[in-house]
């Protein structure tokens, strides 16, 4: 019986533990994928994106493309309007 009466107190103590901020390396760095280095490609034809490299994947996002909402700091997103690069960002 005493085993079950202590259970709520254990949950309360566990809930009071400090929570770490951030999600890991790269989440605090908006340039973790190296997007700043290739900002000169914005406004260029979409074919220029074939030379882009990143620590993770390079994801091309068109105007009608569906994309996941997960955040990957090492993934580079190259947004385009079908012919021209409109934005380059990490995520």
PDB file of N, CA and C in Angstrom:
ATOM      1  N   UNK A   1       0.813  -1.191   0.000  1.00  0.00           N
ATOM      2  CA  UNK A   1       0.000   0.000   0.000  1.00  0.00           C
ATOM      3  C   UNK A   1       0.860   1.260   0.000  1.00  0.00           C
ATOM      4  N   UNK A   2       1.940   1.293   0.768  1.00  0.00           N
ATOM      5  CA  UNK A   2       2.786   2.480   0.810  1.00  0.00           C
ATOM      6  C   UNK A   2       3.542   2.682  -0.501  1.00  0.00           C
ATOM      7  N   UNK A   3       3.742   1.622  -1.223  1.00  0.00           N
ATOM      8  CA  UNK A   3       4.412   1.726  -2.502  1.00  0.00           C
ATOM      9  C   UNK A   3       3.601   2.607  -3.461  1.00  0.00           C
ATOM     10  N   UNK A   4       2.288   2.459  -3.457  1.00  0.00           N
ATOM     11  CA  UNK A   4       1.431   3.222  -4.361  1.00  0.00           C
ATOM     12  C   UNK A   4       1.177   4.644  -3.873  1.00  0.00           C
ATOM     13  N   UNK A   5       1.302   4.896  -2.587  1.00  0.00           N
ATOM     14  CA  UNK A   5       1.102   6.259  -2.089  1.00  0.00           C
ATOM     15  C   UNK A   5       2.302   7.145  -2.394  1.00  0.00           C
ATOM     16  N   UNK A   6       3.463   6.577  -2.606  1.00  0.00           N
ATOM     17  CA  UNK A   6       4.650   7.355  -2.950  1.00  0.00           C
ATOM     18  C   UNK A   6       4.731   7.686  -4.434  1.00  0.00           C
ATOM     19  N   UNK A   7       3.982   6.977  -5.245  1.00  0.00           N
ATOM     20  CA  UNK A   7       4.032   7.148  -6.690  1.00  0.00           C
ATOM     21  C   UNK A   7       3.730   8.580  -7.142  1.00  0.00           C
ATOM     22  N   UNK A   8       2.690   9.240  -6.645  1.00  0.00           N
ATOM     23  CA  UNK A   8       2.445  10.631  -7.072  1.00  0.00           C
ATOM     24  C   UNK A   8       3.605  11.565  -6.718  1.00  0.00           C
ATOM     25  N   UNK A   9       4.245  11.343  -5.585  1.00  0.00           N
ATOM     26  CA  UNK A   9       5.365  12.194  -5.186  1.00  0.00           C
ATOM     27  C   UNK A   9       6.560  12.000  -6.116  1.00  0.00           C
ATOM     28  N   UNK A  10       6.754  10.809  -6.584  1.00  0.00           N
ATOM     29  CA  UNK A  10       7.848  10.544  -7.520  1.00  0.00           C
ATOM     30  C   UNK A  10       7.611  11.293  -8.823  1.00  0.00           C
ATOM     31  N   UNK A  11       6.378  11.322  -9.304  1.00  0.00           N
ATOM     32  CA  UNK A  11       6.066  12.056 -10.525  1.00  0.00           C
ATOM     33  C   UNK A  11       6.263  13.551 -10.339  1.00  0.00           C
ATOM     34  N   UNK A  12       5.893  14.081  -9.186  1.00  0.00           N
ATOM     35  CA  UNK A  12       6.058  15.509  -8.913  1.00  0.00           C
ATOM     36  C   UNK A  12       7.535  15.866  -8.893  1.00  0.00           C
ATOM     37  N   UNK A  13       8.351  15.051  -8.256  1.00  0.00           N
ATOM     38  CA  UNK A  13       9.787  15.316  -8.195  1.00  0.00           C
ATOM     39  C   UNK A  13      10.405  15.229  -9.590  1.00  0.00           C
ATOM     40  N   UNK A  14       9.994  14.265 -10.371  1.00  0.00           N
ATOM     41  CA  UNK A  14      10.522  14.114 -11.732  1.00  0.00           C
ATOM     42  C   UNK A  14      10.136  15.295 -12.603  1.00  0.00           C
ATOM     43  N   UNK A  15       8.965  15.863 -12.394  1.00  0.00           N
ATOM     44  CA  UNK A  15       8.510  17.000 -13.192  1.00  0.00           C
ATOM     45  C   UNK A  15       9.280  18.263 -12.858  1.00  0.00           C
ATOM     46  N   UNK A  16       9.928  18.321 -11.724  1.00  0.00           N
ATOM     47  CA  UNK A  16      10.671  19.509 -11.292  1.00  0.00           C
ATOM     48  C   UNK A  16      12.109  19.518 -11.792  1.00  0.00           C
ATOM     49  N   UNK A  17      12.532  18.527 -12.508  1.00  0.00           N
ATOM     50  CA  UNK A  17      13.899  18.483 -13.013  1.00  0.00           C
ATOM     51  C   UNK A  17      14.078  19.531 -14.101  1.00  0.00           C
ATOM     52  N   UNK A  18      15.270  20.131 -14.220  1.00  0.00           N
ATOM     53  CA  UNK A  18      15.498  21.154 -15.242  1.00  0.00           C
ATOM     54  C   UNK A  18      15.405  20.562 -16.646  1.00  0.00           C
ATOM     55  N   UNK A  19      14.903  21.348 -17.555  1.00  0.00           N
ATOM     56  CA  UNK A  19      14.759  20.937 -18.946  1.00  0.00           C
ATOM     57  C   UNK A  19      15.847  21.620 -19.756  1.00  0.00           C
ATOM     58  N   UNK A  20      16.536  20.855 -20.579  1.00  0.00           N
ATOM     59  CA  UNK A  20      17.587  21.435 -21.408  1.00  0.00           C
ATOM     60  C   UNK A  20      16.973  22.219 -22.549  1.00  0.00           C
ATOM     61  N   UNK A  21      17.595  23.341 -22.885  1.00  0.00           N
ATOM     62  CA  UNK A  21      17.116  24.142 -24.003  1.00  0.00           C
ATOM     63  C   UNK A  21      17.796  23.688 -25.280  1.00  0.00           C
ATOM     64  N   UNK A  22      17.161  23.909 -26.392  1.00  0.00           N
ATOM     65  CA  UNK A  22      17.721  23.506 -27.678  1.00  0.00           C
ATOM     66  C   UNK A  22      17.463  22.043 -27.958  1.00  0.00           C
ATOM     67  N   UNK A  23      17.774  21.639 -29.168  1.00  0.00           N
ATOM     68  CA  UNK A  23      17.509  20.275 -29.575  1.00  0.00           C
ATOM     69  C   UNK A  23      18.774  19.546 -29.978  1.00  0.00           C
ATOM     70  N   UNK A  24      19.906  20.186 -29.860  1.00  0.00           N
ATOM     71  CA  UNK A  24      21.153  19.543 -30.232  1.00  0.00           C
ATOM     72  C   UNK A  24      22.000  20.465 -31.075  1.00  0.00           C
ATOM     73  N   UNK A  25      23.131  19.972 -31.557  1.00  0.00           N
ATOM     74  CA  UNK A  25      24.036  20.809 -32.338  1.00  0.00           C
ATOM     75  C   UNK A  25      23.362  21.352 -33.597  1.00  0.00           C
ATOM     76  N   UNK A  26      23.579  22.614 -33.878  1.00  0.00           N
ATOM     77  CA  UNK A  26      23.053  23.209 -35.101  1.00  0.00           C
ATOM     78  C   UNK A  26      21.732  23.910 -34.946  1.00  0.00           C
ATOM     79  N   UNK A  27      20.948  23.595 -33.935  1.00  0.00           N
ATOM     80  CA  UNK A  27      19.642  24.219 -33.793  1.00  0.00           C
ATOM     81  C   UNK A  27      19.746  25.682 -33.412  1.00  0.00           C
ATOM     82  N   UNK A  28      20.852  26.068 -32.761  1.00  0.00           N
ATOM     83  CA  UNK A  28      21.037  27.463 -32.399  1.00  0.00           C
ATOM     84  C   UNK A  28      21.760  28.237 -33.492  1.00  0.00           C
ATOM     85  N   UNK A  29      22.238  27.560 -34.517  1.00  0.00           N
ATOM     86  CA  UNK A  29      22.992  28.192 -35.594  1.00  0.00           C
ATOM     87  C   UNK A  29      22.139  28.265 -36.850  1.00  0.00           C
ATOM     88  N   UNK A  30      21.677  29.474 -37.235  1.00  0.00           N
ATOM     89  CA  UNK A  30      20.832  29.581 -38.426  1.00  0.00           C
ATOM     90  C   UNK A  30      21.590  29.302 -39.723  1.00  0.00           C
ATOM     91  N   UNK A  31      22.916  29.166 -39.650  1.00  0.00           N
ATOM     92  CA  UNK A  31      23.708  28.892 -40.842  1.00  0.00           C
ATOM     93  C   UNK A  31      24.386  27.525 -40.755  1.00  0.00           C
ATOM     94  N   UNK A  32      23.790  26.585 -40.048  1.00  0.00           N
ATOM     95  CA  UNK A  32      24.394  25.266 -39.860  1.00  0.00           C
ATOM     96  C   UNK A  32      24.563  24.511 -41.171  1.00  0.00           C
ATOM     97  N   UNK A  33      23.780  24.829 -42.176  1.00  0.00           N
ATOM     98  CA  UNK A  33      23.865  24.127 -43.457  1.00  0.00           C
ATOM     99  C   UNK A  33      24.756  24.851 -44.460  1.00  0.00           C
ATOM    100  N   UNK A  34      25.224  26.044 -44.119  1.00  0.00           N
ATOM    101  CA  UNK A  34      26.082  26.801 -45.030  1.00  0.00           C
ATOM    102  C   UNK A  34      25.324  27.652 -46.022  1.00  0.00           C
ATOM    103  N   UNK A  35      24.078  28.014 -45.718  1.00  0.00           N
ATOM    104  CA  UNK A  35      23.245  28.777 -46.646  1.00  0.00           C
ATOM    105  C   UNK A  35      23.790  30.175 -46.933  1.00  0.00           C
ATOM    106  N   UNK A  36      24.475  30.770 -45.960  1.00  0.00           N
ATOM    107  CA  UNK A  36      25.001  32.126 -46.174  1.00  0.00           C
ATOM    108  C   UNK A  36      26.001  32.171 -47.313  1.00  0.00           C
ATOM    109  N   UNK A  37      26.767  31.110 -47.488  1.00  0.00           N
ATOM    110  CA  UNK A  37      27.807  31.081 -48.510  1.00  0.00           C
ATOM    111  C   UNK A  37      27.259  31.029 -49.926  1.00  0.00           C
ATOM    112  N   UNK A  38      26.020  30.596 -50.082  1.00  0.00           N
ATOM    113  CA  UNK A  38      25.450  30.455 -51.430  1.00  0.00           C
ATOM    114  C   UNK A  38      24.281  31.418 -51.691  1.00  0.00           C
ATOM    115  N   UNK A  39      24.155  32.464 -50.883  1.00  0.00           N
ATOM    116  CA  UNK A  39      23.069  33.428 -51.092  1.00  0.00           C
ATOM    117  C   UNK A  39      23.183  34.146 -52.436  1.00  0.00           C
ATOM    118  N   UNK A  40      24.360  34.153 -53.032  1.00  0.00           N
ATOM    119  CA  UNK A  40      24.548  34.763 -54.344  1.00  0.00           C
ATOM    120  C   UNK A  40      23.795  34.041 -55.447  1.00  0.00           C
ATOM    121  N   UNK A  41      23.325  32.827 -55.186  1.00  0.00           N
ATOM    122  CA  UNK A  41      22.571  32.069 -56.194  1.00  0.00           C
ATOM    123  C   UNK A  41      21.101  32.478 -56.256  1.00  0.00           C
ATOM    124  N   UNK A  42      20.627  33.229 -55.261  1.00  0.00           N
ATOM    125  CA  UNK A  42      19.229  33.686 -55.286  1.00  0.00           C
ATOM    126  C   UNK A  42      19.054  34.616 -56.484  1.00  0.00           C
ATOM    127  N   UNK A  43      18.052  34.319 -57.285  1.00  0.00           N
ATOM    128  CA  UNK A  43      17.800  35.073 -58.516  1.00  0.00           C
ATOM    129  C   UNK A  43      18.406  34.427 -59.745  1.00  0.00           C
ATOM    130  N   UNK A  44      19.239  33.403 -59.535  1.00  0.00           N
ATOM    131  CA  UNK A  44      19.867  32.684 -60.645  1.00  0.00           C
ATOM    132  C   UNK A  44      18.930  31.597 -61.160  1.00  0.00           C
ATOM    133  N   UNK A  45      19.187  31.081 -62.377  1.00  0.00           N
ATOM    134  CA  UNK A  45      18.379  29.971 -62.902  1.00  0.00           C
ATOM    135  C   UNK A  45      18.491  28.746 -61.988  1.00  0.00           C
ATOM    136  N   UNK A  46      17.453  27.932 -61.972  1.00  0.00           N
ATOM    137  CA  UNK A  46      17.385  26.760 -61.103  1.00  0.00           C
ATOM    138  C   UNK A  46      18.550  25.804 -61.336  1.00  0.00           C
ATOM    139  N   UNK A  47      19.076  25.732 -62.534  1.00  0.00           N
ATOM    140  CA  UNK A  47      20.205  24.848 -62.836  1.00  0.00           C
ATOM    141  C   UNK A  47      21.438  25.157 -62.013  1.00  0.00           C
ATOM    142  N   UNK A  48      21.572  26.376 -61.515  1.00  0.00           N
ATOM    143  CA  UNK A  48      22.720  26.748 -60.693  1.00  0.00           C
ATOM    144  C   UNK A  48      22.705  26.018 -59.354  1.00  0.00           C
ATOM    145  N   UNK A  49      21.560  25.531 -58.930  1.00  0.00           N
ATOM    146  CA  UNK A  49      21.447  24.820 -57.650  1.00  0.00           C
ATOM    147  C   UNK A  49      22.086  23.443 -57.708  1.00  0.00           C
ATOM    148  N   UNK A  50      22.414  22.947 -58.881  1.00  0.00           N
ATOM    149  CA  UNK A  50      23.015  21.615 -58.974  1.00  0.00           C
ATOM    150  C   UNK A  50      24.422  21.595 -58.391  1.00  0.00           C
ATOM    151  N   UNK A  51      25.061  22.762 -58.272  1.00  0.00           N
ATOM    152  CA  UNK A  51      26.411  22.812 -57.725  1.00  0.00           C
ATOM    153  C   UNK A  51      26.430  23.043 -56.215  1.00  0.00           C
ATOM    154  N   UNK A  52      25.263  23.175 -55.589  1.00  0.00           N
ATOM    155  CA  UNK A  52      25.170  23.460 -54.158  1.00  0.00           C
ATOM    156  C   UNK A  52      25.425  22.197 -53.357  1.00  0.00           C
ATOM    157  N   UNK A  53      26.294  22.322 -52.345  1.00  0.00           N
ATOM    158  CA  UNK A  53      26.530  21.208 -51.421  1.00  0.00           C
ATOM    159  C   UNK A  53      26.262  21.698 -50.004  1.00  0.00           C
ATOM    160  N   UNK A  54      25.878  20.778 -49.144  1.00  0.00           N
ATOM    161  CA  UNK A  54      25.575  21.088 -47.748  1.00  0.00           C
ATOM    162  C   UNK A  54      26.013  19.908 -46.897  1.00  0.00           C
ATOM    163  N   UNK A  55      26.190  20.129 -45.582  1.00  0.00           N
ATOM    164  CA  UNK A  55      26.559  19.012 -44.689  1.00  0.00           C
ATOM    165  C   UNK A  55      25.513  17.900 -44.705  1.00  0.00           C
ATOM    166  N   UNK A  56      24.266  18.259 -44.926  1.00  0.00           N
ATOM    167  CA  UNK A  56      23.185  17.278 -45.011  1.00  0.00           C
ATOM    168  C   UNK A  56      22.627  17.257 -46.425  1.00  0.00           C
ATOM    169  N   UNK A  57      21.349  17.000 -46.519  1.00  0.00           N
ATOM    170  CA  UNK A  57      20.681  16.961 -47.816  1.00  0.00           C
ATOM    171  C   UNK A  57      20.449  18.363 -48.356  1.00  0.00           C
ATOM    172  N   UNK A  58      20.244  18.441 -49.667  1.00  0.00           N
ATOM    173  CA  UNK A  58      19.801  19.669 -50.316  1.00  0.00           C
ATOM    174  C   UNK A  58      18.406  19.384 -50.835  1.00  0.00           C
ATOM    175  N   UNK A  59      17.428  20.161 -50.376  1.00  0.00           N
ATOM    176  CA  UNK A  59      16.026  19.927 -50.742  1.00  0.00           C
ATOM    177  C   UNK A  59      15.555  21.066 -51.630  1.00  0.00           C
ATOM    178  N   UNK A  60      15.099  20.725 -52.827  1.00  0.00           N
ATOM    179  CA  UNK A  60      14.527  21.723 -53.736  1.00  0.00           C
ATOM    180  C   UNK A  60      13.030  21.795 -53.488  1.00  0.00           C
ATOM    181  N   UNK A  61      12.535  23.000 -53.287  1.00  0.00           N
ATOM    182  CA  UNK A  61      11.124  23.193 -52.966  1.00  0.00           C
ATOM    183  C   UNK A  61      10.500  24.101 -54.022  1.00  0.00           C
ATOM    184  N   UNK A  62       9.604  23.536 -54.812  1.00  0.00           N
ATOM    185  CA  UNK A  62       8.899  24.298 -55.829  1.00  0.00           C
ATOM    186  C   UNK A  62       7.632  24.924 -55.285  1.00  0.00           C
ATOM    187  N   UNK A  63       6.961  25.749 -56.084  1.00  0.00           N
ATOM    188  CA  UNK A  63       5.780  26.466 -55.606  1.00  0.00           C
ATOM    189  C   UNK A  63       4.612  25.561 -55.213  1.00  0.00           C
ATOM    190  N   UNK A  64       4.500  24.386 -55.795  1.00  0.00           N
ATOM    191  CA  UNK A  64       3.381  23.503 -55.483  1.00  0.00           C
ATOM    192  C   UNK A  64       3.835  22.252 -54.724  1.00  0.00           C
ATOM    193  N   UNK A  65       5.079  22.212 -54.287  1.00  0.00           N
ATOM    194  CA  UNK A  65       5.602  21.032 -53.595  1.00  0.00           C
ATOM    195  C   UNK A  65       5.136  20.987 -52.146  1.00  0.00           C
ATOM    196  N   UNK A  66       4.831  19.784 -51.681  1.00  0.00           N
ATOM    197  CA  UNK A  66       4.518  19.561 -50.280  1.00  0.00           C
ATOM    198  C   UNK A  66       5.811  19.170 -49.586  1.00  0.00           C
ATOM    199  N   UNK A  67       6.073  19.763 -48.424  1.00  0.00           N
ATOM    200  CA  UNK A  67       7.295  19.452 -47.689  1.00  0.00           C
ATOM    201  C   UNK A  67       6.952  19.100 -46.246  1.00  0.00           C
ATOM    202  N   UNK A  68       7.829  18.352 -45.619  1.00  0.00           N
ATOM    203  CA  UNK A  68       7.629  18.000 -44.218  1.00  0.00           C
ATOM    204  C   UNK A  68       7.937  19.213 -43.344  1.00  0.00           C
ATOM    205  N   UNK A  69       7.422  19.210 -42.123  1.00  0.00           N
ATOM    206  CA  UNK A  69       7.651  20.330 -41.223  1.00  0.00           C
ATOM    207  C   UNK A  69       8.749  20.026 -40.211  1.00  0.00           C
ATOM    208  N   UNK A  70       9.430  18.890 -40.362  1.00  0.00           N
ATOM    209  CA  UNK A  70      10.524  18.591 -39.443  1.00  0.00           C
ATOM    210  C   UNK A  70      11.685  19.544 -39.726  1.00  0.00           C
ATOM    211  N   UNK A  71      12.450  19.846 -38.692  1.00  0.00           N
ATOM    212  CA  UNK A  71      13.572  20.775 -38.835  1.00  0.00           C
ATOM    213  C   UNK A  71      14.867  20.000 -38.757  1.00  0.00           C
ATOM    214  N   UNK A  72      15.672  20.107 -39.791  1.00  0.00           N
ATOM    215  CA  UNK A  72      16.981  19.476 -39.851  1.00  0.00           C
ATOM    216  C   UNK A  72      17.989  20.587 -40.119  1.00  0.00           C
ATOM    217  N   UNK A  73      18.769  21.008 -39.124  1.00  0.00           N
ATOM    218  CA  UNK A  73      19.651  22.156 -39.307  1.00  0.00           C
ATOM    219  C   UNK A  73      20.723  21.972 -40.368  1.00  0.00           C
ATOM    220  N   UNK A  74      21.087  20.747 -40.700  1.00  0.00           N
ATOM    221  CA  UNK A  74      22.115  20.532 -41.712  1.00  0.00           C
ATOM    222  C   UNK A  74      21.538  20.401 -43.123  1.00  0.00           C
ATOM    223  N   UNK A  75      20.211  20.463 -43.259  1.00  0.00           N
ATOM    224  CA  UNK A  75      19.576  20.358 -44.582  1.00  0.00           C
ATOM    225  C   UNK A  75      19.416  21.760 -45.167  1.00  0.00           C
ATOM    226  N   UNK A  76      19.789  21.906 -46.428  1.00  0.00           N
ATOM    227  CA  UNK A  76      19.637  23.173 -47.118  1.00  0.00           C
ATOM    228  C   UNK A  76      18.387  23.129 -47.992  1.00  0.00           C
ATOM    229  N   UNK A  77      17.538  24.136 -47.849  1.00  0.00           N
ATOM    230  CA  UNK A  77      16.325  24.246 -48.657  1.00  0.00           C
ATOM    231  C   UNK A  77      16.558  25.267 -49.757  1.00  0.00           C
ATOM    232  N   UNK A  78      16.378  24.840 -50.982  1.00  0.00           N
ATOM    233  CA  UNK A  78      16.498  25.731 -52.128  1.00  0.00           C
ATOM    234  C   UNK A  78      15.088  25.901 -52.690  1.00  0.00           C
ATOM    235  N   UNK A  79      14.496  27.050 -52.423  1.00  0.00           N
ATOM    236  CA  UNK A  79      13.136  27.326 -52.922  1.00  0.00           C
ATOM    237  C   UNK A  79      13.232  27.955 -54.300  1.00  0.00           C
ATOM    238  N   UNK A  80      12.276  27.604 -55.163  1.00  0.00           N
ATOM    239  CA  UNK A  80      12.294  28.136 -56.527  1.00  0.00           C
ATOM    240  C   UNK A  80      10.869  28.323 -57.029  1.00  0.00           C
ATOM    241  N   UNK A  81      10.749  29.090 -58.104  1.00  0.00           N
ATOM    242  CA  UNK A  81       9.435  29.336 -58.695  1.00  0.00           C
ATOM    243  C   UNK A  81       9.227  28.518 -59.965  1.00  0.00           C
ATOM    244  N   UNK A  82      10.072  27.550 -60.182  1.00  0.00           N
ATOM    245  CA  UNK A  82       9.979  26.701 -61.355  1.00  0.00           C
ATOM    246  C   UNK A  82      11.141  26.941 -62.300  1.00  0.00           C
ATOM    247  N   UNK A  83      11.673  28.145 -62.295  1.00  0.00           N
ATOM    248  CA  UNK A  83      12.782  28.474 -63.180  1.00  0.00           C
ATOM    249  C   UNK A  83      13.905  29.206 -62.458  1.00  0.00           C
ATOM    250  N   UNK A  84      13.592  29.913 -61.393  1.00  0.00           N
ATOM    251  CA  UNK A  84      14.558  30.770 -60.705  1.00  0.00           C
ATOM    252  C   UNK A  84      14.611  30.427 -59.215  1.00  0.00           C
ATOM    253  N   UNK A  85      15.809  30.489 -58.645  1.00  0.00           N
ATOM    254  CA  UNK A  85      15.977  30.272 -57.208  1.00  0.00           C
ATOM    255  C   UNK A  85      15.458  31.519 -56.488  1.00  0.00           C
ATOM    256  N   UNK A  86      14.522  31.330 -55.561  1.00  0.00           N
ATOM    257  CA  UNK A  86      13.924  32.468 -54.857  1.00  0.00           C
ATOM    258  C   UNK A  86      14.408  32.604 -53.421  1.00  0.00           C
ATOM    259  N   UNK A  87      14.891  31.524 -52.802  1.00  0.00           N
ATOM    260  CA  UNK A  87      15.317  31.569 -51.411  1.00  0.00           C
ATOM    261  C   UNK A  87      16.195  30.364 -51.108  1.00  0.00           C
ATOM    262  N   UNK A  88      17.196  30.570 -50.252  1.00  0.00           N
ATOM    263  CA  UNK A  88      18.048  29.476 -49.781  1.00  0.00           C
ATOM    264  C   UNK A  88      18.125  29.606 -48.260  1.00  0.00           C
ATOM    265  N   UNK A  89      17.744  28.529 -47.560  1.00  0.00           N
ATOM    266  CA  UNK A  89      17.731  28.567 -46.099  1.00  0.00           C
ATOM    267  C   UNK A  89      18.036  27.191 -45.535  1.00  0.00           C
ATOM    268  N   UNK A  90      18.306  27.159 -44.235  1.00  0.00           N
ATOM    269  CA  UNK A  90      18.544  25.885 -43.546  1.00  0.00           C
ATOM    270  C   UNK A  90      17.234  25.362 -42.966  1.00  0.00           C
ATOM    271  N   UNK A  91      17.131  24.110 -42.806  1.00  0.00           N
ATOM    272  CA  UNK A  91      15.943  23.538 -42.178  1.00  0.00           C
ATOM    273  C   UNK A  91      15.545  22.311 -42.830  1.00  0.00           C
TER     274      UNK A  91
END
